[in-house]
N, C-alpha and C. Protein backbone atom coordinates (compact mmCIF):
# COMPACT_ATOMS: atom_id res chain seq x y z
N UNK A 1 1.93 122.95 59.09
CA UNK A 1 2.27 124.38 59.09
C UNK A 1 3.73 124.58 59.48
N UNK A 2 4.45 125.36 58.69
CA UNK A 2 5.85 125.64 58.98
C UNK A 2 5.97 126.99 59.68
N UNK A 3 6.85 127.04 60.66
CA UNK A 3 7.13 128.33 61.28
C UNK A 3 8.55 128.31 61.84
N UNK A 4 9.09 129.49 62.09
CA UNK A 4 10.46 129.58 62.58
C UNK A 4 10.47 129.38 64.08
N UNK A 5 11.36 128.49 64.56
CA UNK A 5 11.56 128.30 65.99
C UNK A 5 12.66 129.25 66.42
N UNK A 6 12.43 130.01 67.48
CA UNK A 6 13.40 130.99 67.95
C UNK A 6 13.83 130.67 69.37
N UNK A 7 15.07 131.12 69.72
CA UNK A 7 15.50 130.93 71.09
C UNK A 7 15.06 132.12 71.93
N UNK A 8 15.49 132.14 73.20
CA UNK A 8 14.99 133.14 74.13
C UNK A 8 15.41 134.56 73.76
N UNK A 9 16.37 134.70 72.87
CA UNK A 9 16.77 136.05 72.46
C UNK A 9 16.19 136.41 71.10
N UNK A 10 15.38 135.52 70.57
CA UNK A 10 14.77 135.80 69.27
C UNK A 10 15.59 135.34 68.10
N UNK A 11 16.73 134.68 68.35
CA UNK A 11 17.59 134.19 67.28
C UNK A 11 16.90 133.02 66.58
N UNK A 12 16.80 133.07 65.28
CA UNK A 12 16.17 131.99 64.54
C UNK A 12 17.09 130.78 64.53
N UNK A 13 16.53 129.63 64.93
CA UNK A 13 17.31 128.40 64.94
C UNK A 13 17.04 127.54 63.71
N UNK A 14 15.77 127.38 63.36
CA UNK A 14 15.46 126.49 62.25
C UNK A 14 14.01 126.67 61.85
N UNK A 15 13.68 126.24 60.63
CA UNK A 15 12.30 126.16 60.21
C UNK A 15 11.81 124.75 60.50
N UNK A 16 10.83 124.64 61.38
CA UNK A 16 10.33 123.33 61.77
C UNK A 16 8.82 123.36 61.76
N UNK A 17 8.21 122.20 61.65
CA UNK A 17 6.76 122.11 61.68
C UNK A 17 6.27 122.07 63.10
N UNK A 18 5.02 122.48 63.31
CA UNK A 18 4.45 122.44 64.65
C UNK A 18 4.50 121.03 65.22
N UNK A 19 4.26 120.04 64.37
CA UNK A 19 4.22 118.66 64.82
C UNK A 19 5.57 118.18 65.34
N UNK A 20 6.66 118.82 64.89
CA UNK A 20 7.99 118.34 65.26
C UNK A 20 8.52 119.00 66.52
N UNK A 21 7.79 119.96 67.07
CA UNK A 21 8.28 120.68 68.24
C UNK A 21 8.05 119.86 69.51
N UNK A 22 8.69 118.71 69.57
CA UNK A 22 8.60 117.86 70.74
C UNK A 22 9.89 118.04 71.51
N UNK A 23 9.77 118.49 72.76
CA UNK A 23 10.97 118.76 73.54
C UNK A 23 11.68 117.47 73.92
N UNK A 24 11.06 116.32 73.64
CA UNK A 24 11.74 115.06 73.91
C UNK A 24 12.75 114.73 72.82
N UNK A 25 12.76 115.52 71.76
CA UNK A 25 13.69 115.29 70.66
C UNK A 25 14.68 116.44 70.54
N UNK A 26 15.85 116.15 70.03
CA UNK A 26 16.87 117.16 69.83
C UNK A 26 16.47 118.04 68.66
N UNK A 27 16.22 119.31 68.92
CA UNK A 27 15.76 120.21 67.87
C UNK A 27 16.89 120.72 66.99
N UNK A 28 18.07 120.86 67.58
CA UNK A 28 19.19 121.43 66.83
C UNK A 28 20.22 120.34 66.53
N UNK A 29 20.38 119.97 65.27
CA UNK A 29 21.36 118.93 64.93
C UNK A 29 22.78 119.44 65.18
N UNK A 30 23.74 118.57 64.97
CA UNK A 30 25.13 118.95 65.19
C UNK A 30 25.51 120.11 64.28
N UNK A 31 26.12 121.13 64.90
CA UNK A 31 26.50 122.35 64.20
C UNK A 31 28.01 122.39 63.94
N UNK A 32 28.41 123.26 63.04
CA UNK A 32 29.83 123.39 62.72
C UNK A 32 30.64 123.85 63.93
N UNK A 33 30.01 124.62 64.83
CA UNK A 33 30.75 125.11 65.99
C UNK A 33 30.63 124.21 67.21
N UNK A 34 29.98 123.06 67.07
CA UNK A 34 29.87 122.12 68.17
C UNK A 34 31.22 121.44 68.44
N UNK A 35 31.39 121.01 69.68
CA UNK A 35 32.56 120.21 70.04
C UNK A 35 32.16 118.75 69.93
N UNK A 36 32.80 118.05 69.01
CA UNK A 36 32.43 116.67 68.69
C UNK A 36 33.65 115.78 68.83
N UNK A 37 33.48 114.69 69.55
CA UNK A 37 34.55 113.71 69.73
C UNK A 37 34.02 112.34 69.31
N UNK A 38 34.65 111.75 68.30
CA UNK A 38 34.21 110.45 67.83
C UNK A 38 33.89 110.47 66.35
N UNK A 39 33.69 109.30 65.82
CA UNK A 39 33.47 109.15 64.38
C UNK A 39 32.05 109.56 63.98
N UNK A 40 31.91 110.23 62.84
CA UNK A 40 30.57 110.56 62.34
C UNK A 40 29.79 109.31 61.96
N UNK A 41 30.47 108.18 61.87
CA UNK A 41 29.82 106.91 61.52
C UNK A 41 29.49 106.08 62.76
N UNK A 42 29.67 106.67 63.94
CA UNK A 42 29.39 105.94 65.18
C UNK A 42 27.92 105.52 65.24
N UNK A 43 27.68 104.38 65.86
CA UNK A 43 26.31 103.88 65.98
C UNK A 43 25.48 104.76 66.91
N UNK A 44 26.14 105.30 67.93
CA UNK A 44 25.43 106.09 68.93
C UNK A 44 26.04 107.49 69.04
N UNK A 45 25.19 108.50 68.96
CA UNK A 45 25.63 109.88 69.18
C UNK A 45 24.96 110.41 70.43
N UNK A 46 25.77 110.84 71.38
CA UNK A 46 25.29 111.42 72.63
C UNK A 46 25.52 112.93 72.59
N UNK A 47 24.45 113.70 72.73
CA UNK A 47 24.56 115.15 72.82
C UNK A 47 24.26 115.53 74.26
N UNK A 48 25.25 116.12 74.92
CA UNK A 48 25.10 116.49 76.32
C UNK A 48 25.12 118.00 76.49
N UNK A 49 24.11 118.52 77.20
CA UNK A 49 24.15 119.88 77.71
C UNK A 49 24.65 119.76 79.14
N UNK A 50 25.87 120.24 79.39
CA UNK A 50 26.50 119.96 80.67
C UNK A 50 27.10 121.16 81.37
N UNK A 51 27.42 120.93 82.64
CA UNK A 51 27.93 121.93 83.57
C UNK A 51 29.11 121.29 84.28
N UNK A 52 30.28 121.93 84.21
CA UNK A 52 31.49 121.33 84.76
C UNK A 52 31.50 121.22 86.28
N UNK A 53 30.61 121.91 86.96
CA UNK A 53 30.56 121.86 88.41
C UNK A 53 29.42 120.97 88.92
N UNK A 54 28.71 120.35 88.01
CA UNK A 54 27.53 119.56 88.33
C UNK A 54 27.92 118.12 88.72
N UNK A 55 27.53 117.65 89.90
CA UNK A 55 27.87 116.28 90.30
C UNK A 55 27.33 115.22 89.34
N UNK A 56 26.09 115.40 88.88
CA UNK A 56 25.51 114.42 87.97
C UNK A 56 26.25 114.40 86.63
N UNK A 57 26.70 115.57 86.17
CA UNK A 57 27.49 115.62 84.94
C UNK A 57 28.83 114.91 85.14
N UNK A 58 29.38 115.03 86.34
CA UNK A 58 30.61 114.32 86.65
C UNK A 58 30.40 112.82 86.59
N UNK A 59 29.25 112.35 87.08
CA UNK A 59 28.92 110.93 87.00
C UNK A 59 28.79 110.49 85.55
N UNK A 60 28.11 111.31 84.74
CA UNK A 60 27.95 110.97 83.33
C UNK A 60 29.30 110.95 82.62
N UNK A 61 30.19 111.85 82.98
CA UNK A 61 31.54 111.88 82.40
C UNK A 61 32.23 110.54 82.61
N UNK A 62 32.14 110.02 83.82
CA UNK A 62 32.78 108.73 84.11
C UNK A 62 32.09 107.59 83.36
N UNK A 63 30.77 107.68 83.26
CA UNK A 63 30.02 106.64 82.53
C UNK A 63 30.41 106.63 81.06
N UNK A 64 30.54 107.81 80.47
CA UNK A 64 30.91 107.89 79.05
C UNK A 64 32.31 107.31 78.84
N UNK A 65 33.20 107.53 79.78
CA UNK A 65 34.53 106.92 79.69
C UNK A 65 34.43 105.39 79.63
N UNK A 66 33.56 104.85 80.47
CA UNK A 66 33.38 103.40 80.47
C UNK A 66 32.71 102.93 79.18
N UNK A 67 31.78 103.71 78.68
CA UNK A 67 31.14 103.37 77.40
C UNK A 67 32.16 103.30 76.29
N UNK A 68 33.09 104.23 76.29
CA UNK A 68 34.12 104.24 75.25
C UNK A 68 35.00 102.99 75.34
N UNK A 69 35.28 102.55 76.56
CA UNK A 69 36.09 101.35 76.72
C UNK A 69 35.38 100.13 76.13
N UNK A 70 34.06 100.11 76.29
CA UNK A 70 33.29 98.96 75.82
C UNK A 70 32.92 99.05 74.35
N UNK A 71 32.59 100.27 73.89
CA UNK A 71 32.05 100.42 72.55
C UNK A 71 33.01 101.08 71.57
N UNK A 72 34.09 101.65 72.08
CA UNK A 72 35.10 102.24 71.21
C UNK A 72 34.54 103.27 70.24
N UNK A 73 34.76 103.04 68.97
CA UNK A 73 34.33 103.98 67.93
C UNK A 73 32.81 103.97 67.73
N UNK A 74 32.12 103.14 68.51
CA UNK A 74 30.66 103.13 68.40
C UNK A 74 29.99 104.30 69.07
N UNK A 75 30.78 105.12 69.80
CA UNK A 75 30.23 106.26 70.54
C UNK A 75 30.80 107.57 70.00
N UNK A 76 29.90 108.52 69.76
CA UNK A 76 30.31 109.89 69.42
C UNK A 76 29.68 110.82 70.44
N UNK A 77 30.46 111.74 70.98
CA UNK A 77 29.98 112.68 71.99
C UNK A 77 30.00 114.10 71.47
N UNK A 78 28.90 114.81 71.68
CA UNK A 78 28.80 116.24 71.40
C UNK A 78 28.55 116.93 72.73
N UNK A 79 29.39 117.89 73.07
CA UNK A 79 29.21 118.59 74.36
C UNK A 79 28.82 120.03 74.12
N UNK A 80 27.71 120.43 74.75
CA UNK A 80 27.25 121.82 74.71
C UNK A 80 27.17 122.35 76.14
N UNK A 81 27.58 123.58 76.32
CA UNK A 81 27.64 124.17 77.65
C UNK A 81 26.26 124.53 78.18
N UNK A 82 26.04 124.21 79.45
CA UNK A 82 24.79 124.60 80.11
C UNK A 82 25.10 124.89 81.58
N UNK A 83 25.91 125.94 81.83
CA UNK A 83 26.31 126.25 83.20
C UNK A 83 25.16 126.80 84.03
N UNK A 84 24.87 126.16 85.14
CA UNK A 84 23.81 126.63 86.05
C UNK A 84 24.46 127.53 87.10
N UNK A 85 24.72 128.77 86.69
CA UNK A 85 25.52 129.68 87.51
C UNK A 85 24.87 130.00 88.84
N UNK A 86 23.56 129.89 88.92
CA UNK A 86 22.87 130.20 90.17
C UNK A 86 23.23 129.25 91.30
N UNK A 87 23.55 128.01 90.95
CA UNK A 87 23.90 127.02 91.97
C UNK A 87 25.36 126.58 91.87
N UNK A 88 25.98 126.82 90.73
CA UNK A 88 27.37 126.44 90.52
C UNK A 88 28.17 127.68 90.10
N UNK A 89 28.71 128.41 91.07
CA UNK A 89 29.33 129.71 90.78
C UNK A 89 30.55 129.70 89.89
N UNK A 90 31.19 128.55 89.73
CA UNK A 90 32.40 128.50 88.90
C UNK A 90 32.15 127.89 87.52
N UNK A 91 30.90 127.49 87.26
CA UNK A 91 30.61 126.74 86.04
C UNK A 91 30.77 127.59 84.78
N UNK A 92 30.35 128.84 84.83
CA UNK A 92 30.44 129.69 83.64
C UNK A 92 31.89 129.92 83.24
N UNK A 93 32.72 130.28 84.20
CA UNK A 93 34.14 130.52 83.87
C UNK A 93 34.83 129.23 83.44
N UNK A 94 34.44 128.11 84.03
CA UNK A 94 35.03 126.84 83.62
C UNK A 94 34.69 126.55 82.16
N UNK A 95 33.45 126.82 81.78
CA UNK A 95 33.05 126.63 80.38
C UNK A 95 33.85 127.55 79.46
N UNK A 96 34.05 128.79 79.90
CA UNK A 96 34.85 129.72 79.10
C UNK A 96 36.31 129.25 79.01
N UNK A 97 36.80 128.62 80.07
CA UNK A 97 38.15 128.08 80.05
C UNK A 97 38.27 126.95 79.02
N UNK A 98 37.22 126.13 78.93
CA UNK A 98 37.22 125.06 77.93
C UNK A 98 37.26 125.66 76.53
N UNK A 99 36.48 126.73 76.33
CA UNK A 99 36.47 127.38 75.02
C UNK A 99 37.81 128.04 74.71
N UNK A 100 38.41 128.67 75.72
CA UNK A 100 39.72 129.30 75.51
C UNK A 100 40.76 128.24 75.16
N UNK A 101 40.64 127.08 75.76
CA UNK A 101 41.54 125.97 75.42
C UNK A 101 41.25 125.46 74.02
N UNK A 102 39.97 125.42 73.67
CA UNK A 102 39.59 124.99 72.32
C UNK A 102 40.17 125.90 71.25
N UNK A 103 40.26 127.19 71.56
CA UNK A 103 40.84 128.14 70.61
C UNK A 103 42.31 127.84 70.36
N UNK A 104 42.92 127.09 71.29
CA UNK A 104 44.31 126.66 71.12
C UNK A 104 44.41 125.17 70.78
N UNK A 105 43.29 124.60 70.35
CA UNK A 105 43.29 123.22 69.90
C UNK A 105 43.26 122.17 70.98
N UNK A 106 42.85 122.53 72.22
CA UNK A 106 42.90 121.57 73.32
C UNK A 106 41.58 121.53 74.10
N UNK A 107 40.46 121.64 73.40
CA UNK A 107 39.17 121.65 74.11
C UNK A 107 38.96 120.38 74.93
N UNK A 108 39.10 119.22 74.29
CA UNK A 108 38.76 117.98 74.99
C UNK A 108 39.72 117.67 76.13
N UNK A 109 40.97 118.07 75.98
CA UNK A 109 41.91 117.87 77.08
C UNK A 109 41.51 118.69 78.30
N UNK A 110 41.11 119.95 78.08
CA UNK A 110 40.65 120.78 79.20
C UNK A 110 39.31 120.26 79.72
N UNK A 111 38.43 119.87 78.84
CA UNK A 111 37.14 119.28 79.22
C UNK A 111 37.35 118.15 80.22
N UNK A 112 38.28 117.27 79.91
CA UNK A 112 38.55 116.14 80.79
C UNK A 112 39.10 116.60 82.14
N UNK A 113 40.04 117.54 82.11
CA UNK A 113 40.62 118.04 83.36
C UNK A 113 39.56 118.71 84.25
N UNK A 114 38.66 119.45 83.63
CA UNK A 114 37.64 120.14 84.41
C UNK A 114 36.72 119.16 85.13
N UNK A 115 36.32 118.12 84.44
CA UNK A 115 35.47 117.13 85.08
C UNK A 115 36.23 116.29 86.11
N UNK A 116 37.48 116.02 85.84
CA UNK A 116 38.30 115.27 86.80
C UNK A 116 38.56 116.07 88.07
N UNK A 117 38.45 117.40 87.96
CA UNK A 117 38.75 118.29 89.10
C UNK A 117 37.60 119.26 89.34
N UNK A 118 36.37 118.77 89.28
CA UNK A 118 35.22 119.68 89.28
C UNK A 118 34.99 120.39 90.60
N UNK A 119 35.72 120.01 91.65
CA UNK A 119 35.62 120.75 92.91
C UNK A 119 36.76 121.78 93.03
N UNK A 120 37.55 121.92 91.98
CA UNK A 120 38.67 122.87 91.99
C UNK A 120 38.65 123.66 90.68
N UNK A 121 37.69 124.59 90.60
CA UNK A 121 37.49 125.34 89.36
C UNK A 121 37.66 126.85 89.53
N UNK A 122 38.37 127.26 90.59
CA UNK A 122 38.66 128.68 90.74
C UNK A 122 39.68 129.11 89.68
N UNK A 123 39.79 130.40 89.49
CA UNK A 123 40.69 130.92 88.45
C UNK A 123 42.10 130.37 88.56
N UNK A 124 42.62 130.31 89.79
CA UNK A 124 44.00 129.83 89.97
C UNK A 124 44.12 128.39 89.48
N UNK A 125 43.07 127.60 89.68
CA UNK A 125 43.10 126.21 89.21
C UNK A 125 43.07 126.16 87.69
N UNK A 126 42.23 127.01 87.09
CA UNK A 126 42.13 127.02 85.63
C UNK A 126 43.47 127.42 85.01
N UNK A 127 44.14 128.38 85.61
CA UNK A 127 45.45 128.79 85.10
C UNK A 127 46.43 127.62 85.17
N UNK A 128 46.37 126.88 86.27
CA UNK A 128 47.29 125.75 86.43
C UNK A 128 47.01 124.68 85.38
N UNK A 129 45.74 124.44 85.10
CA UNK A 129 45.40 123.44 84.09
C UNK A 129 45.92 123.85 82.71
N UNK A 130 45.83 125.16 82.44
CA UNK A 130 46.32 125.63 81.13
C UNK A 130 47.82 125.38 81.00
N UNK A 131 48.55 125.58 82.09
CA UNK A 131 49.98 125.33 82.07
C UNK A 131 50.26 123.83 81.94
N UNK A 132 49.43 123.03 82.62
CA UNK A 132 49.58 121.58 82.55
C UNK A 132 49.40 121.07 81.12
N UNK A 133 48.54 121.74 80.36
CA UNK A 133 48.28 121.34 78.97
C UNK A 133 49.25 121.97 77.98
N UNK A 134 50.13 122.82 78.48
CA UNK A 134 51.11 123.46 77.61
C UNK A 134 50.52 124.54 76.73
N UNK A 135 49.45 125.18 77.20
CA UNK A 135 48.84 126.26 76.42
C UNK A 135 49.66 127.54 76.53
N UNK A 136 49.36 128.47 75.65
CA UNK A 136 49.91 129.82 75.77
C UNK A 136 49.19 130.46 76.95
N UNK A 137 49.83 130.43 78.11
CA UNK A 137 49.17 130.84 79.35
C UNK A 137 48.79 132.31 79.35
N UNK A 138 49.63 133.14 78.74
CA UNK A 138 49.32 134.57 78.70
C UNK A 138 48.03 134.81 77.91
N UNK A 139 47.90 134.15 76.77
CA UNK A 139 46.69 134.27 75.96
C UNK A 139 45.48 133.71 76.70
N UNK A 140 45.68 132.56 77.36
CA UNK A 140 44.59 131.92 78.09
C UNK A 140 44.08 132.84 79.21
N UNK A 141 44.99 133.39 79.98
CA UNK A 141 44.59 134.28 81.08
C UNK A 141 43.85 135.51 80.55
N UNK A 142 44.35 136.07 79.46
CA UNK A 142 43.71 137.24 78.89
C UNK A 142 42.30 136.91 78.41
N UNK A 143 42.14 135.74 77.78
CA UNK A 143 40.82 135.34 77.31
C UNK A 143 39.83 135.21 78.47
N UNK A 144 40.31 134.64 79.58
CA UNK A 144 39.41 134.51 80.74
C UNK A 144 39.10 135.87 81.35
N UNK A 145 40.11 136.71 81.48
CA UNK A 145 39.90 138.04 82.06
C UNK A 145 38.95 138.87 81.22
N UNK A 146 39.09 138.77 79.90
CA UNK A 146 38.24 139.55 78.98
C UNK A 146 36.89 138.88 78.72
N UNK A 147 36.70 137.69 79.29
CA UNK A 147 35.47 136.91 79.04
C UNK A 147 35.22 136.78 77.53
N UNK A 148 36.29 136.43 76.84
CA UNK A 148 36.25 136.38 75.38
C UNK A 148 35.24 135.37 74.85
N UNK A 149 34.94 134.33 75.64
CA UNK A 149 34.05 133.28 75.15
C UNK A 149 32.73 133.21 75.94
N UNK A 150 32.43 134.30 76.63
CA UNK A 150 31.17 134.34 77.38
C UNK A 150 29.97 134.13 76.46
N UNK A 151 29.94 134.83 75.34
CA UNK A 151 28.80 134.73 74.43
C UNK A 151 28.74 133.35 73.79
N UNK A 152 29.88 132.75 73.51
CA UNK A 152 29.88 131.40 72.94
C UNK A 152 29.22 130.40 73.90
N UNK A 153 29.51 130.52 75.17
CA UNK A 153 28.91 129.65 76.18
C UNK A 153 27.42 129.93 76.31
N UNK A 154 27.06 131.20 76.32
CA UNK A 154 25.64 131.55 76.45
C UNK A 154 24.83 131.10 75.23
N UNK A 155 25.48 131.05 74.10
CA UNK A 155 24.80 130.57 72.89
C UNK A 155 24.38 129.11 73.06
N UNK A 156 25.28 128.30 73.59
CA UNK A 156 24.93 126.91 73.88
C UNK A 156 23.78 126.86 74.89
N UNK A 157 23.86 127.69 75.91
CA UNK A 157 22.83 127.69 76.95
C UNK A 157 21.46 128.00 76.37
N UNK A 158 21.42 129.01 75.51
CA UNK A 158 20.13 129.38 74.90
C UNK A 158 19.59 128.24 74.03
N UNK A 159 20.47 127.55 73.35
CA UNK A 159 20.03 126.41 72.56
C UNK A 159 19.40 125.36 73.46
N UNK A 160 19.99 125.15 74.62
CA UNK A 160 19.42 124.19 75.55
C UNK A 160 18.06 124.61 76.06
N UNK A 161 17.90 125.88 76.35
CA UNK A 161 16.61 126.40 76.83
C UNK A 161 15.52 126.12 75.80
N UNK A 162 15.83 126.39 74.54
CA UNK A 162 14.88 126.16 73.46
C UNK A 162 14.47 124.69 73.42
N UNK A 163 15.42 123.82 73.72
CA UNK A 163 15.14 122.39 73.63
C UNK A 163 14.56 121.82 74.92
N UNK A 164 14.17 122.71 75.85
CA UNK A 164 13.52 122.24 77.06
C UNK A 164 14.46 121.71 78.12
N UNK A 165 15.75 121.98 78.00
CA UNK A 165 16.69 121.56 79.04
C UNK A 165 16.50 122.47 80.25
N UNK A 166 16.26 121.88 81.39
CA UNK A 166 16.05 122.67 82.60
C UNK A 166 16.95 122.22 83.76
N UNK A 167 17.69 121.14 83.55
CA UNK A 167 18.61 120.64 84.55
C UNK A 167 19.77 119.97 83.83
N UNK A 168 20.85 119.73 84.56
CA UNK A 168 22.00 119.08 83.95
C UNK A 168 22.24 117.72 84.59
N UNK A 169 22.75 116.78 83.81
CA UNK A 169 22.97 116.90 82.37
C UNK A 169 21.69 116.75 81.56
N UNK A 170 21.61 117.50 80.46
CA UNK A 170 20.55 117.29 79.49
C UNK A 170 21.13 116.39 78.41
N UNK A 171 20.66 115.17 78.34
CA UNK A 171 21.29 114.18 77.47
C UNK A 171 20.32 113.69 76.41
N UNK A 172 20.80 113.66 75.18
CA UNK A 172 20.04 113.14 74.04
C UNK A 172 20.85 112.01 73.41
N UNK A 173 20.22 110.87 73.21
CA UNK A 173 20.87 109.72 72.59
C UNK A 173 20.25 109.49 71.23
N UNK A 174 21.06 109.63 70.20
CA UNK A 174 20.56 109.53 68.82
C UNK A 174 19.33 110.41 68.60
N UNK A 175 19.40 111.63 69.15
CA UNK A 175 18.37 112.62 68.90
C UNK A 175 17.16 112.56 69.80
N UNK A 176 17.13 111.63 70.75
CA UNK A 176 15.98 111.49 71.65
C UNK A 176 16.44 111.71 73.09
N UNK A 177 15.67 112.51 73.83
CA UNK A 177 16.04 112.81 75.22
C UNK A 177 16.09 111.53 76.06
N UNK A 178 17.12 111.47 76.89
CA UNK A 178 17.28 110.37 77.83
C UNK A 178 17.13 110.90 79.24
N UNK A 179 16.27 110.27 80.03
CA UNK A 179 16.03 110.77 81.39
C UNK A 179 16.18 109.68 82.44
N UNK A 180 16.86 108.60 82.09
CA UNK A 180 17.05 107.50 83.03
C UNK A 180 18.29 107.69 83.88
N UNK A 181 18.73 106.58 84.49
CA UNK A 181 19.90 106.62 85.35
C UNK A 181 21.16 106.92 84.56
N UNK A 182 22.16 107.49 85.24
CA UNK A 182 23.40 107.87 84.57
C UNK A 182 24.51 106.85 84.76
N UNK A 183 24.18 105.72 85.35
CA UNK A 183 25.16 104.65 85.53
C UNK A 183 25.34 103.88 84.23
N UNK A 184 26.39 103.12 84.15
CA UNK A 184 26.75 102.42 82.92
C UNK A 184 25.66 101.44 82.48
N UNK A 185 25.15 100.66 83.39
CA UNK A 185 24.16 99.64 83.04
C UNK A 185 22.90 100.27 82.47
N UNK A 186 22.43 101.36 83.09
CA UNK A 186 21.21 102.02 82.62
C UNK A 186 21.37 102.55 81.20
N UNK A 187 22.49 103.18 80.94
CA UNK A 187 22.69 103.75 79.60
C UNK A 187 22.94 102.66 78.57
N UNK A 188 23.66 101.62 78.94
CA UNK A 188 23.85 100.51 78.01
C UNK A 188 22.51 99.87 77.66
N UNK A 189 21.63 99.73 78.64
CA UNK A 189 20.30 99.18 78.38
C UNK A 189 19.53 100.07 77.41
N UNK A 190 19.66 101.37 77.58
CA UNK A 190 18.97 102.31 76.69
C UNK A 190 19.52 102.19 75.26
N UNK A 191 20.82 102.06 75.13
CA UNK A 191 21.41 101.90 73.80
C UNK A 191 20.94 100.60 73.16
N UNK A 192 20.87 99.55 73.96
CA UNK A 192 20.42 98.26 73.44
C UNK A 192 18.98 98.33 72.98
N UNK A 193 18.13 99.00 73.78
CA UNK A 193 16.73 99.14 73.41
C UNK A 193 16.58 99.91 72.10
N UNK A 194 17.39 100.97 71.97
CA UNK A 194 17.33 101.75 70.73
C UNK A 194 17.74 100.93 69.52
N UNK A 195 18.74 100.07 69.69
CA UNK A 195 19.20 99.22 68.59
C UNK A 195 18.13 98.21 68.21
N UNK A 196 17.45 97.66 69.21
CA UNK A 196 16.42 96.68 68.95
C UNK A 196 15.25 97.30 68.20
N UNK A 197 14.89 98.53 68.58
CA UNK A 197 13.77 99.21 67.88
C UNK A 197 14.16 99.52 66.44
N UNK A 198 15.43 99.88 66.24
CA UNK A 198 15.89 100.24 64.90
C UNK A 198 15.88 99.05 63.95
N UNK A 199 16.06 97.83 64.51
CA UNK A 199 16.13 96.65 63.65
C UNK A 199 14.82 95.87 63.58
N UNK A 200 13.85 96.30 64.39
CA UNK A 200 12.57 95.57 64.41
C UNK A 200 11.63 96.07 63.33
């Protein structure tokens, strides 16, 4: 039986079968508006629902850096915003800052700065990062003040809710939810297991 899967606001996401509605799988494939870093031919695609103020997301950020050193073009990362504003008061604005930077072609540079400085995400810090990246600071400040990308961030959040994400990071490896350790060895083992299953 086919039916439309909707998010919490009633927005239609896709036509899927009842049998496929497994929250252990990524329901929404990579979209045109997703932030993607890496080759489309990479062996491993990691989709992360993340929060810039989240300690565990910070750990995953460092792990992914190490994965890139080891696997190079074998890793592709997709980042979707999932700010837990109830416990991380600066996460929403930080996500909007990443989007404002993306509008000026510097999403991943700001993404990296935010995770590298996740305990310093007040407005004054965000403004400084924009200057550090050589952005149009006047435009950046106006975008943050006007909350120009609030809905863009919330759109990612709603997508995560639909997919059963309830904590951060929500990580999917090649379309399957990963719930193990966030250290390098644990994730490398998971990638290896996935490769073995694919070739068996």
